[in-house]
PDB file of N, CA and C in Angstrom:
ATOM      1  N   MET A   1      15.046  12.770  16.978  1.00  0.00           N
ATOM      2  CA  MET A   1      15.488  11.473  16.469  1.00  0.00           C
ATOM      3  C   MET A   1      15.437  10.530  17.618  1.00  0.00           C
ATOM      4  N   ALA A   2      15.003   9.366  17.550  1.00  0.00           N
ATOM      5  CA  ALA A   2      15.008   8.323  18.588  1.00  0.00           C
ATOM      6  C   ALA A   2      16.168   7.416  18.396  1.00  0.00           C
ATOM      7  N   GLU A   3      16.873   7.048  19.421  1.00  0.00           N
ATOM      8  CA  GLU A   3      17.960   6.057  19.294  1.00  0.00           C
ATOM      9  C   GLU A   3      17.280   4.738  19.411  1.00  0.00           C
ATOM     10  N   HIS A   4      18.057   3.772  18.916  1.00  0.00           N
ATOM     11  CA  HIS A   4      17.637   2.360  18.969  1.00  0.00           C
ATOM     12  C   HIS A   4      17.590   1.880  20.433  1.00  0.00           C
ATOM     13  N   GLY A   5      16.515   1.264  20.816  1.00  0.00           N
ATOM     14  CA  GLY A   5      16.387   0.827  22.176  1.00  0.00           C
ATOM     15  C   GLY A   5      15.869   1.862  23.039  1.00  0.00           C
ATOM     16  N   ALA A   6      15.492   3.127  22.605  1.00  0.00           N
ATOM     17  CA  ALA A   6      15.089   4.176  23.421  1.00  0.00           C
ATOM     18  C   ALA A   6      13.661   3.941  23.807  1.00  0.00           C
ATOM     19  N   ASP A   7      13.264   4.471  24.895  1.00  0.00           N
ATOM     20  CA  ASP A   7      11.861   4.454  25.551  1.00  0.00           C
ATOM     21  C   ASP A   7      10.917   4.923  24.411  1.00  0.00           C
ATOM     22  N   PRO A   8       9.936   4.039  23.957  1.00  0.00           N
ATOM     23  CA  PRO A   8       9.070   4.331  22.861  1.00  0.00           C
ATOM     24  C   PRO A   8       8.206   5.504  23.308  1.00  0.00           C
ATOM     25  N   SER A   9       7.945   5.743  24.591  1.00  0.00           N
ATOM     26  CA  SER A   9       7.112   6.720  25.090  1.00  0.00           C
ATOM     27  C   SER A   9       7.850   7.979  25.239  1.00  0.00           C
ATOM     28  N   ALA A  10       9.120   8.078  25.177  1.00  0.00           N
ATOM     29  CA  ALA A  10       9.905   9.221  25.230  1.00  0.00           C
ATOM     30  C   ALA A  10       9.812  10.173  24.015  1.00  0.00           C
ATOM     31  N   PRO A  11       9.753  11.566  24.220  1.00  0.00           N
ATOM     32  CA  PRO A  11       9.634  12.431  23.068  1.00  0.00           C
ATOM     33  C   PRO A  11      10.774  12.190  21.999  1.00  0.00           C
ATOM     34  N   ILE A  12      10.395  12.335  20.818  1.00  0.00           N
ATOM     35  CA  ILE A  12      11.382  12.292  19.749  1.00  0.00           C
ATOM     36  C   ILE A  12      11.565  13.724  19.031  1.00  0.00           C
ATOM     37  N   GLY A  13      12.724  13.862  18.442  1.00  0.00           N
ATOM     38  CA  GLY A  13      12.763  15.073  17.649  1.00  0.00           C
ATOM     39  C   GLY A  13      12.851  14.784  16.151  1.00  0.00           C
ATOM     40  N   LEU A  14      12.483  15.776  15.428  1.00  0.00           N
ATOM     41  CA  LEU A  14      12.467  15.658  13.854  1.00  0.00           C
ATOM     42  C   LEU A  14      13.394  16.859  13.329  1.00  0.00           C
ATOM     43  N   VAL A  15      14.082  16.455  12.413  1.00  0.00           N
ATOM     44  CA  VAL A  15      14.890  17.513  11.626  1.00  0.00           C
ATOM     45  C   VAL A  15      14.180  17.574  10.334  1.00  0.00           C
ATOM     46  N   ILE A  16      13.821  18.855   9.987  1.00  0.00           N
ATOM     47  CA  ILE A  16      13.147  19.087   8.683  1.00  0.00           C
ATOM     48  C   ILE A  16      13.917  19.993   7.863  1.00  0.00           C
ATOM     49  N   ALA A  17      14.359  19.519   6.774  1.00  0.00           N
ATOM     50  CA  ALA A  17      15.241  20.372   5.785  1.00  0.00           C
ATOM     51  C   ALA A  17      14.360  21.426   5.265  1.00  0.00           C
ATOM     52  N   ILE A  18      14.849  22.704   5.089  1.00  0.00           N
ATOM     53  CA  ILE A  18      14.079  23.773   4.553  1.00  0.00           C
ATOM     54  C   ILE A  18      14.436  23.890   3.086  1.00  0.00           C
ATOM     55  N   GLY A  19      13.377  23.984   2.336  1.00  0.00           N
ATOM     56  CA  GLY A  19      13.722  24.070   0.842  1.00  0.00           C
ATOM     57  C   GLY A  19      12.297  24.206   0.174  1.00  0.00           C
ATOM     58  N   SER A  20      12.350  23.891  -1.063  1.00  0.00           N
ATOM     59  CA  SER A  20      11.085  24.047  -1.839  1.00  0.00           C
ATOM     60  C   SER A  20       9.950  23.065  -1.442  1.00  0.00           C
ATOM     61  N   ASP A  21      10.305  21.997  -0.782  1.00  0.00           N
ATOM     62  CA  ASP A  21       9.385  20.996  -0.250  1.00  0.00           C
ATOM     63  C   ASP A  21       9.073  21.198   1.154  1.00  0.00           C
ATOM     64  N   THR A  22       9.300  22.335   1.740  1.00  0.00           N
ATOM     65  CA  THR A  22       9.131  22.479   3.168  1.00  0.00           C
ATOM     66  C   THR A  22       7.569  22.371   3.477  1.00  0.00           C
ATOM     67  N   ASP A  23       6.710  22.868   2.730  1.00  0.00           N
ATOM     68  CA  ASP A  23       5.197  22.727   2.989  1.00  0.00           C
ATOM     69  C   ASP A  23       4.834  21.282   3.075  1.00  0.00           C
ATOM     70  N   ASP A  24       5.332  20.537   2.081  1.00  0.00           N
ATOM     71  CA  ASP A  24       5.016  19.130   2.032  1.00  0.00           C
ATOM     72  C   ASP A  24       5.580  18.339   3.261  1.00  0.00           C
ATOM     73  N   ARG A  25       6.855  18.646   3.673  1.00  0.00           N
ATOM     74  CA  ARG A  25       7.351  17.961   4.776  1.00  0.00           C
ATOM     75  C   ARG A  25       6.652  18.296   6.188  1.00  0.00           C
ATOM     76  N   ILE A  26       6.258  19.523   6.297  1.00  0.00           N
ATOM     77  CA  ILE A  26       5.508  19.987   7.489  1.00  0.00           C
ATOM     78  C   ILE A  26       4.193  19.304   7.531  1.00  0.00           C
ATOM     79  N   GLU A  27       3.468  19.167   6.444  1.00  0.00           N
ATOM     80  CA  GLU A  27       2.097  18.511   6.356  1.00  0.00           C
ATOM     81  C   GLU A  27       2.386  17.063   6.748  1.00  0.00           C
ATOM     82  N   THR A  28       3.512  16.383   6.205  1.00  0.00           N
ATOM     83  CA  THR A  28       3.750  15.045   6.484  1.00  0.00           C
ATOM     84  C   THR A  28       3.987  14.708   8.037  1.00  0.00           C
ATOM     85  N   VAL A  29       4.786  15.748   8.607  1.00  0.00           N
ATOM     86  CA  VAL A  29       4.983  15.599   9.971  1.00  0.00           C
ATOM     87  C   VAL A  29       3.625  15.537  10.773  1.00  0.00           C
ATOM     88  N   GLY A  30       2.760  16.487  10.398  1.00  0.00           N
ATOM     89  CA  GLY A  30       1.393  16.693  10.969  1.00  0.00           C
ATOM     90  C   GLY A  30       0.615  15.310  10.848  1.00  0.00           C
ATOM     91  N   ARG A  31       0.622  14.667   9.690  1.00  0.00           N
ATOM     92  CA  ARG A  31       0.115  13.426   9.458  1.00  0.00           C
ATOM     93  C   ARG A  31       0.687  12.328  10.301  1.00  0.00           C
ATOM     94  N   PHE A  32       1.932  12.410  10.358  1.00  0.00           N
ATOM     95  CA  PHE A  32       2.753  11.374  11.080  1.00  0.00           C
ATOM     96  C   PHE A  32       2.308  11.468  12.615  1.00  0.00           C
ATOM     97  N   TRP A  33       2.227  12.688  13.185  1.00  0.00           N
ATOM     98  CA  TRP A  33       1.943  12.921  14.513  1.00  0.00           C
ATOM     99  C   TRP A  33       0.453  12.393  14.834  1.00  0.00           C
ATOM    100  N   SER A  34      -0.375  12.703  13.810  1.00  0.00           N
ATOM    101  CA  SER A  34      -1.727  12.333  14.021  1.00  0.00           C
ATOM    102  C   SER A  34      -1.750  10.697  14.166  1.00  0.00           C
ATOM    103  N   ALA A  35      -1.067   9.971  13.272  1.00  0.00           N
ATOM    104  CA  ALA A  35      -0.910   8.594  13.272  1.00  0.00           C
ATOM    105  C   ALA A  35      -0.375   8.039  14.452  1.00  0.00           C
ATOM    106  N   LEU A  36       0.586   8.709  15.157  1.00  0.00           N
ATOM    107  CA  LEU A  36       1.248   8.372  16.360  1.00  0.00           C
ATOM    108  C   LEU A  36       0.306   8.488  17.487  1.00  0.00           C
ATOM    109  N   GLN A  37      -0.625   9.454  17.505  1.00  0.00           N
ATOM    110  CA  GLN A  37      -1.689   9.692  18.445  1.00  0.00           C
ATOM    111  C   GLN A  37      -2.826   8.729  18.260  1.00  0.00           C
ATOM    112  N   LYS A  38      -2.779   7.897  17.290  1.00  0.00           N
ATOM    113  CA  LYS A  38      -3.869   6.923  16.929  1.00  0.00           C
ATOM    114  C   LYS A  38      -5.240   7.595  16.410  1.00  0.00           C
ATOM    115  N   ASN A  39      -4.959   8.830  15.934  1.00  0.00           N
ATOM    116  CA  ASN A  39      -6.196   9.439  15.432  1.00  0.00           C
ATOM    117  C   ASN A  39      -6.347   9.030  13.885  1.00  0.00           C
ATOM    118  N   LYS A  40      -7.615   9.246  13.615  1.00  0.00           N
ATOM    119  CA  LYS A  40      -7.838   8.992  12.111  1.00  0.00           C
ATOM    120  C   LYS A  40      -6.976   9.969  11.249  1.00  0.00           C
ATOM    121  N   PRO A  41      -6.152   9.447  10.310  1.00  0.00           N
ATOM    122  CA  PRO A  41      -5.334  10.325   9.558  1.00  0.00           C
ATOM    123  C   PRO A  41      -6.206  11.398   8.768  1.00  0.00           C
ATOM    124  N   ARG A  42      -5.543  12.594   8.867  1.00  0.00           N
ATOM    125  CA  ARG A  42      -6.216  13.767   8.086  1.00  0.00           C
ATOM    126  C   ARG A  42      -6.233  13.471   6.673  1.00  0.00           C
ATOM    127  N   GLU A  43      -7.133  14.101   5.936  1.00  0.00           N
ATOM    128  CA  GLU A  43      -7.225  13.966   4.468  1.00  0.00           C
ATOM    129  C   GLU A  43      -5.896  14.583   3.870  1.00  0.00           C
ATOM    130  N   ASP A  44      -5.322  13.948   3.032  1.00  0.00           N
ATOM    131  CA  ASP A  44      -4.006  14.363   2.262  1.00  0.00           C
ATOM    132  C   ASP A  44      -4.436  15.501   1.396  1.00  0.00           C
ATOM    133  N   PRO A  45      -3.972  16.775   1.539  1.00  0.00           N
ATOM    134  CA  PRO A  45      -4.399  17.803   0.653  1.00  0.00           C
ATOM    135  C   PRO A  45      -3.796  17.721  -0.695  1.00  0.00           C
ATOM    136  N   ARG A  46      -2.847  16.719  -0.963  1.00  0.00           N
ATOM    137  CA  ARG A  46      -2.260  16.645  -2.205  1.00  0.00           C
ATOM    138  C   ARG A  46      -3.108  16.067  -3.341  1.00  0.00           C
ATOM    139  N   ALA A  47      -4.098  15.381  -2.832  1.00  0.00           N
ATOM    140  CA  ALA A  47      -4.956  14.578  -3.789  1.00  0.00           C
ATOM    141  C   ALA A  47      -6.469  14.949  -3.440  1.00  0.00           C
ATOM    142  N   THR A  48      -7.159  15.201  -4.418  1.00  0.00           N
ATOM    143  CA  THR A  48      -8.648  15.478  -4.407  1.00  0.00           C
ATOM    144  C   THR A  48      -9.378  14.021  -4.289  1.00  0.00           C
ATOM    145  N   PRO A  49     -10.463  13.973  -3.777  1.00  0.00           N
ATOM    146  CA  PRO A  49     -11.219  12.705  -3.811  1.00  0.00           C
ATOM    147  C   PRO A  49     -11.218  12.022  -5.097  1.00  0.00           C
ATOM    148  N   GLN A  50     -11.353  12.770  -6.200  1.00  0.00           N
ATOM    149  CA  GLN A  50     -11.418  12.233  -7.502  1.00  0.00           C
ATOM    150  C   GLN A  50     -10.050  11.705  -7.860  1.00  0.00           C
ATOM    151  N   ARG A  51      -9.023  12.269  -7.432  1.00  0.00           N
ATOM    152  CA  ARG A  51      -7.565  11.894  -7.793  1.00  0.00           C
ATOM    153  C   ARG A  51      -7.344  10.585  -7.094  1.00  0.00           C
ATOM    154  N   ARG A  52      -7.773  10.544  -5.736  1.00  0.00           N
ATOM    155  CA  ARG A  52      -7.546   9.367  -4.961  1.00  0.00           C
ATOM    156  C   ARG A  52      -8.308   8.056  -5.579  1.00  0.00           C
ATOM    157  N   HIS A  53      -9.575   8.347  -6.073  1.00  0.00           N
ATOM    158  CA  HIS A  53     -10.303   7.332  -6.785  1.00  0.00           C
ATOM    159  C   HIS A  53      -9.576   6.809  -8.014  1.00  0.00           C
ATOM    160  N   ARG A  54      -9.074   7.804  -8.750  1.00  0.00           N
ATOM    161  CA  ARG A  54      -8.413   7.438  -9.991  1.00  0.00           C
ATOM    162  C   ARG A  54      -7.160   6.597  -9.695  1.00  0.00           C
ATOM    163  N   LEU A  55      -6.413   6.936  -8.615  1.00  0.00           N
ATOM    164  CA  LEU A  55      -5.345   6.239  -8.184  1.00  0.00           C
ATOM    165  C   LEU A  55      -5.528   4.843  -7.800  1.00  0.00           C
ATOM    166  N   ARG A  56      -6.618   4.644  -7.056  1.00  0.00           N
ATOM    167  CA  ARG A  56      -6.997   3.302  -6.766  1.00  0.00           C
ATOM    168  C   ARG A  56      -7.386   2.495  -7.872  1.00  0.00           C
ATOM    169  N   GLN A  57      -8.122   3.142  -8.945  1.00  0.00           N
ATOM    170  CA  GLN A  57      -8.412   2.462 -10.253  1.00  0.00           C
ATOM    171  C   GLN A  57      -7.120   2.090 -11.017  1.00  0.00           C
ATOM    172  N   MET A  58      -6.134   3.009 -10.971  1.00  0.00           N
ATOM    173  CA  MET A  58      -4.806   2.675 -11.641  1.00  0.00           C
ATOM    174  C   MET A  58      -4.211   1.448 -11.037  1.00  0.00           C
ATOM    175  N   LEU A  59      -4.133   1.505  -9.704  1.00  0.00           N
ATOM    176  CA  LEU A  59      -3.525   0.287  -9.000  1.00  0.00           C
ATOM    177  C   LEU A  59      -4.155  -0.998  -9.165  1.00  0.00           C
ATOM    178  N   ARG A  60      -5.530  -0.915  -9.232  1.00  0.00           N
ATOM    179  CA  ARG A  60      -6.306  -2.166  -9.570  1.00  0.00           C
ATOM    180  C   ARG A  60      -6.064  -2.571 -10.894  1.00  0.00           C
ATOM    181  N   ALA A  61      -6.022  -1.703 -11.841  1.00  0.00           N
ATOM    182  CA  ALA A  61      -5.736  -2.074 -13.301  1.00  0.00           C
ATOM    183  C   ALA A  61      -4.427  -2.611 -13.521  1.00  0.00           C
ATOM    184  N   ILE A  62      -3.361  -1.904 -12.932  1.00  0.00           N
ATOM    185  CA  ILE A  62      -1.984  -2.449 -13.232  1.00  0.00           C
ATOM    186  C   ILE A  62      -1.812  -3.911 -12.449  1.00  0.00           C
ATOM    187  N   ASP A  63      -2.448  -4.056 -11.345  1.00  0.00           N
ATOM    188  CA  ASP A  63      -2.338  -5.341 -10.829  1.00  0.00           C
ATOM    189  C   ASP A  63      -2.916  -6.434 -11.573  1.00  0.00           C
ATOM    190  N   ALA A  64      -4.130  -6.185 -12.106  1.00  0.00           N
ATOM    191  CA  ALA A  64      -4.678  -7.110 -13.094  1.00  0.00           C
ATOM    192  C   ALA A  64      -3.909  -7.316 -14.188  1.00  0.00           C
ATOM    193  N   TRP A  65      -3.450  -6.215 -14.945  1.00  0.00           N
ATOM    194  CA  TRP A  65      -2.726  -6.344 -16.137  1.00  0.00           C
ATOM    195  C   TRP A  65      -1.383  -7.208 -15.902  1.00  0.00           C
ATOM    196  N   MET A  66      -0.830  -7.008 -14.841  1.00  0.00           N
ATOM    197  CA  MET A  66       0.382  -7.781 -14.396  1.00  0.00           C
ATOM    198  C   MET A  66       0.138  -9.185 -14.229  1.00  0.00           C
ATOM    199  N   GLU A  67      -1.064  -9.637 -13.989  1.00  0.00           N
ATOM    200  CA  GLU A  67      -1.479 -11.004 -13.845  1.00  0.00           C
ATOM    201  C   GLU A  67      -2.014 -11.486 -15.125  1.00  0.00           C
ATOM    202  N   ALA A  68      -1.830 -10.792 -16.342  1.00  0.00           N
ATOM    203  CA  ALA A  68      -2.246 -11.094 -17.651  1.00  0.00           C
ATOM    204  C   ALA A  68      -3.789 -11.194 -17.793  1.00  0.00           C
ATOM    205  N   VAL A  69      -4.458 -10.387 -17.024  1.00  0.00           N
ATOM    206  CA  VAL A  69      -5.927 -10.250 -17.173  1.00  0.00           C
ATOM    207  C   VAL A  69      -6.229  -9.397 -18.349  1.00  0.00           C
ATOM    208  N   PRO A  70      -7.062  -9.809 -19.322  1.00  0.00           N
ATOM    209  CA  PRO A  70      -7.321  -9.036 -20.452  1.00  0.00           C
ATOM    210  C   PRO A  70      -8.045  -7.665 -20.159  1.00  0.00           C
ATOM    211  N   TYR A  71      -7.830  -6.577 -20.961  1.00  0.00           N
ATOM    212  CA  TYR A  71      -8.360  -5.328 -20.773  1.00  0.00           C
ATOM    213  C   TYR A  71      -9.777  -5.450 -20.497  1.00  0.00           C
ATOM    214  N   ARG A  72     -10.464  -6.251 -21.336  1.00  0.00           N
ATOM    215  CA  ARG A  72     -12.007  -6.220 -21.310  1.00  0.00           C
ATOM    216  C   ARG A  72     -12.433  -6.702 -19.896  1.00  0.00           C
ATOM    217  N   ARG A  73     -11.696  -7.745 -19.377  1.00  0.00           N
ATOM    218  CA  ARG A  73     -12.117  -8.221 -18.030  1.00  0.00           C
ATOM    219  C   ARG A  73     -11.668  -7.163 -16.960  1.00  0.00           C
ATOM    220  N   ILE A  74     -10.652  -6.481 -17.086  1.00  0.00           N
ATOM    221  CA  ILE A  74     -10.307  -5.384 -16.210  1.00  0.00           C
ATOM    222  C   ILE A  74     -11.447  -4.412 -16.175  1.00  0.00           C
ATOM    223  N   ALA A  75     -11.803  -3.912 -17.337  1.00  0.00           N
ATOM    224  CA  ALA A  75     -12.807  -2.967 -17.406  1.00  0.00           C
ATOM    225  C   ALA A  75     -14.136  -3.424 -16.853  1.00  0.00           C
ATOM    226  N   ALA A  76     -14.557  -4.697 -17.042  1.00  0.00           N
ATOM    227  CA  ALA A  76     -15.724  -5.239 -16.360  1.00  0.00           C
ATOM    228  C   ALA A  76     -15.600  -5.101 -14.952  1.00  0.00           C
ATOM    229  N   VAL A  77     -14.560  -5.312 -14.343  1.00  0.00           N
ATOM    230  CA  VAL A  77     -14.468  -5.174 -12.847  1.00  0.00           C
ATOM    231  C   VAL A  77     -14.448  -3.656 -12.424  1.00  0.00           C
ATOM    232  N   LEU A  78     -13.758  -2.861 -13.076  1.00  0.00           N
ATOM    233  CA  LEU A  78     -13.723  -1.452 -12.720  1.00  0.00           C
ATOM    234  C   LEU A  78     -14.832  -0.679 -13.188  1.00  0.00           C
ATOM    235  N   PHE A  79     -15.618  -1.034 -14.081  1.00  0.00           N
ATOM    236  CA  PHE A  79     -16.774  -0.238 -14.405  1.00  0.00           C
ATOM    237  C   PHE A  79     -17.995  -1.285 -14.673  1.00  0.00           C
ATOM    238  N   PRO A  80     -18.468  -1.768 -13.624  1.00  0.00           N
ATOM    239  CA  PRO A  80     -19.502  -2.939 -13.692  1.00  0.00           C
ATOM    240  C   PRO A  80     -20.900  -2.406 -14.277  1.00  0.00           C
ATOM    241  N   ASP A  81     -21.061  -1.134 -14.168  1.00  0.00           N
ATOM    242  CA  ASP A  81     -22.382  -0.594 -14.677  1.00  0.00           C
ATOM    243  C   ASP A  81     -22.335  -0.348 -16.252  1.00  0.00           C
ATOM    244  N   ASP A  82     -21.192  -0.376 -16.729  1.00  0.00           N
ATOM    245  CA  ASP A  82     -20.981  -0.158 -18.253  1.00  0.00           C
ATOM    246  C   ASP A  82     -21.218  -1.473 -19.060  1.00  0.00           C
ATOM    247  N   ASP A  83     -21.778  -1.333 -20.195  1.00  0.00           N
ATOM    248  CA  ASP A  83     -21.925  -2.473 -21.204  1.00  0.00           C
ATOM    249  C   ASP A  83     -20.672  -2.663 -21.926  1.00  0.00           C
ATOM    250  N   ILE A  84     -20.042  -3.820 -21.661  1.00  0.00           N
ATOM    251  CA  ILE A  84     -18.696  -4.152 -22.259  1.00  0.00           C
ATOM    252  C   ILE A  84     -18.780  -5.403 -22.864  1.00  0.00           C
ATOM    253  N   GLU A  85     -19.720  -5.278 -24.093  1.00  0.00           N
ATOM    254  CA  GLU A  85     -19.838  -6.450 -24.945  1.00  0.00           C
ATOM    255  C   GLU A  85     -18.705  -6.589 -25.893  1.00  0.00           C
ATOM    256  N   ALA A  86     -18.245  -7.891 -26.288  1.00  0.00           N
ATOM    257  CA  ALA A  86     -17.330  -8.132 -27.263  1.00  0.00           C
ATOM    258  C   ALA A  86     -17.495  -7.357 -28.533  1.00  0.00           C
ATOM    259  N   ARG A  87     -18.686  -7.281 -29.054  1.00  0.00           N
ATOM    260  CA  ARG A  87     -18.925  -6.744 -30.379  1.00  0.00           C
ATOM    261  C   ARG A  87     -18.668  -5.219 -30.457  1.00  0.00           C
ATOM    262  N   SER A  88     -18.946  -4.646 -29.115  1.00  0.00           N
ATOM    263  CA  SER A  88     -18.840  -3.053 -29.134  1.00  0.00           C
ATOM    264  C   SER A  88     -17.468  -2.665 -28.408  1.00  0.00           C
ATOM    265  N   TRP A  89     -16.656  -3.605 -28.093  1.00  0.00           N
ATOM    266  CA  TRP A  89     -15.494  -3.300 -27.243  1.00  0.00           C
ATOM    267  C   TRP A  89     -14.451  -2.360 -28.010  1.00  0.00           C
ATOM    268  N   VAL A  90     -14.209  -2.634 -29.223  1.00  0.00           N
ATOM    269  CA  VAL A  90     -13.106  -1.840 -29.850  1.00  0.00           C
ATOM    270  C   VAL A  90     -13.513  -0.242 -29.879  1.00  0.00           C
ATOM    271  N   GLY A  91     -14.737   0.183 -30.156  1.00  0.00           N
ATOM    272  CA  GLY A  91     -15.061   1.455 -30.070  1.00  0.00           C
ATOM    273  C   GLY A  91     -15.590   1.942 -28.747  1.00  0.00           C
ATOM    274  N   ASN A  92     -15.509   1.202 -27.746  1.00  0.00           N
ATOM    275  CA  ASN A  92     -16.033   1.624 -26.491  1.00  0.00           C
ATOM    276  C   ASN A  92     -15.105   2.617 -25.694  1.00  0.00           C
ATOM    277  N   PRO A  93     -15.626   3.718 -25.283  1.00  0.00           N
ATOM    278  CA  PRO A  93     -14.775   4.592 -24.466  1.00  0.00           C
ATOM    279  C   PRO A  93     -14.126   4.030 -23.243  1.00  0.00           C
ATOM    280  N   VAL A  94     -14.967   3.068 -22.554  1.00  0.00           N
ATOM    281  CA  VAL A  94     -14.493   2.406 -21.459  1.00  0.00           C
ATOM    282  C   VAL A  94     -13.116   1.614 -21.735  1.00  0.00           C
ATOM    283  N   ARG A  95     -13.025   1.187 -22.960  1.00  0.00           N
ATOM    284  CA  ARG A  95     -11.743   0.493 -23.422  1.00  0.00           C
ATOM    285  C   ARG A  95     -10.567   1.447 -23.384  1.00  0.00           C
ATOM    286  N   GLU A  96     -10.755   2.668 -23.913  1.00  0.00           N
ATOM    287  CA  GLU A  96      -9.746   3.684 -23.899  1.00  0.00           C
ATOM    288  C   GLU A  96      -9.399   4.003 -22.441  1.00  0.00           C
ATOM    289  N   THR A  97     -10.336   4.256 -21.542  1.00  0.00           N
ATOM    290  CA  THR A  97     -10.169   4.556 -20.314  1.00  0.00           C
ATOM    291  C   THR A  97      -9.334   3.530 -19.573  1.00  0.00           C
ATOM    292  N   THR A  98      -9.689   2.264 -19.684  1.00  0.00           N
ATOM    293  CA  THR A  98      -9.067   1.115 -19.109  1.00  0.00           C
ATOM    294  C   THR A  98      -7.532   1.073 -19.616  1.00  0.00           C
ATOM    295  N   ILE A  99      -7.334   1.268 -20.851  1.00  0.00           N
ATOM    296  CA  ILE A  99      -5.963   1.318 -21.413  1.00  0.00           C
ATOM    297  C   ILE A  99      -5.162   2.360 -20.715  1.00  0.00           C
ATOM    298  N   ARG A 100      -5.694   3.607 -20.481  1.00  0.00           N
ATOM    299  CA  ARG A 100      -5.079   4.597 -19.965  1.00  0.00           C
ATOM    300  C   ARG A 100      -4.708   4.400 -18.441  1.00  0.00           C
ATOM    301  N   LEU A 101      -5.742   3.758 -17.823  1.00  0.00           N
ATOM    302  CA  LEU A 101      -5.463   3.523 -16.447  1.00  0.00           C
ATOM    303  C   LEU A 101      -4.316   2.482 -16.229  1.00  0.00           C
ATOM    304  N   VAL A 102      -4.183   1.416 -17.071  1.00  0.00           N
ATOM    305  CA  VAL A 102      -3.067   0.603 -17.055  1.00  0.00           C
ATOM    306  C   VAL A 102      -1.778   1.226 -17.446  1.00  0.00           C
ATOM    307  N   ARG A 103      -1.917   2.073 -18.331  1.00  0.00           N
ATOM    308  CA  ARG A 103      -0.607   2.898 -18.750  1.00  0.00           C
ATOM    309  C   ARG A 103      -0.073   3.738 -17.589  1.00  0.00           C
ATOM    310  N   ASP A 104      -1.049   4.507 -16.966  1.00  0.00           N
ATOM    311  CA  ASP A 104      -0.691   5.337 -16.001  1.00  0.00           C
ATOM    312  C   ASP A 104      -0.312   4.616 -14.763  1.00  0.00           C
ATOM    313  N   GLY A 105      -0.972   3.428 -14.459  1.00  0.00           N
ATOM    314  CA  GLY A 105      -0.450   2.543 -13.335  1.00  0.00           C
ATOM    315  C   GLY A 105       0.933   2.091 -13.638  1.00  0.00           C
ATOM    316  N   LYS A 106       1.252   1.741 -14.854  1.00  0.00           N
ATOM    317  CA  LYS A 106       2.689   1.318 -15.149  1.00  0.00           C
ATOM    318  C   LYS A 106       3.675   2.506 -14.741  1.00  0.00           C
ATOM    319  N   SER A 107       3.321   3.656 -15.036  1.00  0.00           N
ATOM    320  CA  SER A 107       4.017   4.868 -14.703  1.00  0.00           C
ATOM    321  C   SER A 107       4.253   4.967 -13.225  1.00  0.00           C
ATOM    322  N   LEU A 108       3.182   4.771 -12.388  1.00  0.00           N
ATOM    323  CA  LEU A 108       3.289   4.736 -11.029  1.00  0.00           C
ATOM    324  C   LEU A 108       4.251   3.720 -10.533  1.00  0.00           C
ATOM    325  N   VAL A 109       4.122   2.504 -10.973  1.00  0.00           N
ATOM    326  CA  VAL A 109       4.937   1.349 -10.523  1.00  0.00           C
ATOM    327  C   VAL A 109       6.479   1.679 -11.001  1.00  0.00           C
ATOM    328  N   ASN A 110       6.664   2.364 -12.068  1.00  0.00           N
ATOM    329  CA  ASN A 110       8.048   2.506 -12.526  1.00  0.00           C
ATOM    330  C   ASN A 110       8.578   3.841 -11.924  1.00  0.00           C
ATOM    331  N   GLY A 111       8.093   4.273 -10.784  1.00  0.00           N
ATOM    332  CA  GLY A 111       8.859   5.450 -10.023  1.00  0.00           C
ATOM    333  C   GLY A 111       7.808   6.604 -10.165  1.00  0.00           C
ATOM    334  N   GLY A 112       6.781   6.665 -10.781  1.00  0.00           N
ATOM    335  CA  GLY A 112       5.995   7.915 -10.736  1.00  0.00           C
ATOM    336  C   GLY A 112       5.269   8.105  -9.376  1.00  0.00           C
ATOM    337  N   TYR A 113       5.213   7.080  -8.600  1.00  0.00           N
ATOM    338  CA  TYR A 113       4.654   7.280  -7.292  1.00  0.00           C
ATOM    339  C   TYR A 113       5.302   8.364  -6.520  1.00  0.00           C
ATOM    340  N   ARG A 114       6.439   8.689  -6.746  1.00  0.00           N
ATOM    341  CA  ARG A 114       7.192   9.777  -6.033  1.00  0.00           C
ATOM    342  C   ARG A 114       6.601  11.121  -6.068  1.00  0.00           C
ATOM    343  N   ALA A 115       5.994  11.249  -7.349  1.00  0.00           N
ATOM    344  CA  ALA A 115       5.290  12.618  -7.556  1.00  0.00           C
ATOM    345  C   ALA A 115       4.140  12.749  -6.656  1.00  0.00           C
ATOM    346  N   LEU A 116       3.547  11.729  -6.212  1.00  0.00           N
ATOM    347  CA  LEU A 116       2.438  11.748  -5.209  1.00  0.00           C
ATOM    348  C   LEU A 116       2.809  12.400  -3.893  1.00  0.00           C
ATOM    349  N   LEU A 117       4.192  12.360  -3.523  1.00  0.00           N
ATOM    350  CA  LEU A 117       4.592  12.894  -2.352  1.00  0.00           C
ATOM    351  C   LEU A 117       4.825  14.423  -2.335  1.00  0.00           C
ATOM    352  N   ARG A 118       4.488  15.124  -3.531  1.00  0.00           N
ATOM    353  CA  ARG A 118       4.736  16.477  -3.690  1.00  0.00           C
ATOM    354  C   ARG A 118       3.363  17.135  -4.064  1.00  0.00           C
ATOM    355  N   ARG A 119       3.244  18.368  -3.528  1.00  0.00           N
ATOM    356  CA  ARG A 119       2.063  19.126  -3.971  1.00  0.00           C
ATOM    357  C   ARG A 119       2.257  19.529  -5.350  1.00  0.00           C
ATOM    358  N   SER A 120       1.172  19.546  -6.075  1.00  0.00           N
ATOM    359  CA  SER A 120       1.314  20.168  -7.454  1.00  0.00           C
ATOM    360  C   SER A 120       1.578  21.663  -7.370  1.00  0.00           C
ATOM    361  N   ARG A 121       2.554  22.013  -8.130  1.00  0.00           N
ATOM    362  CA  ARG A 121       2.988  23.523  -8.001  1.00  0.00           C
ATOM    363  C   ARG A 121       2.822  24.174  -9.441  1.00  0.00           C
ATOM    364  N   ARG A 122       2.469  25.336  -9.477  1.00  0.00           N
ATOM    365  CA  ARG A 122       2.371  26.132 -10.707  1.00  0.00           C
ATOM    366  C   ARG A 122       3.682  26.547 -11.179  1.00  0.00           C
ATOM    367  N   SER A 123       4.001  26.401 -12.339  1.00  0.00           N
ATOM    368  CA  SER A 123       5.239  26.686 -12.911  1.00  0.00           C
ATOM    369  C   SER A 123       5.479  28.186 -13.009  1.00  0.00           C
TER     370      SER A 123
END
């Protein structure tokens, strides 16, 4: 631990609580150390590239929804290669995907982001 006003180049100590989240904590310390060394952060093993992409989509969707952007306009931005015509919107799978992204984004904003800090574990 570093004291307030301590020399920023001096070594610091960390206390890690041992428990069911120990692996996550150790991984986080490694990523923190990497950032302190100004290295490119290591890939976070808790999320696959696909999961990271979906999380970005969820955040973009919820941000737009919170600004009262209609689902169809959100979908047009998130899925620019898809045909999102008004006449086919109700039965369009992209509509359902967009609604799910907003729903899951709401969950993240309402505290679900904490689950991102833990590795998925088998029951």
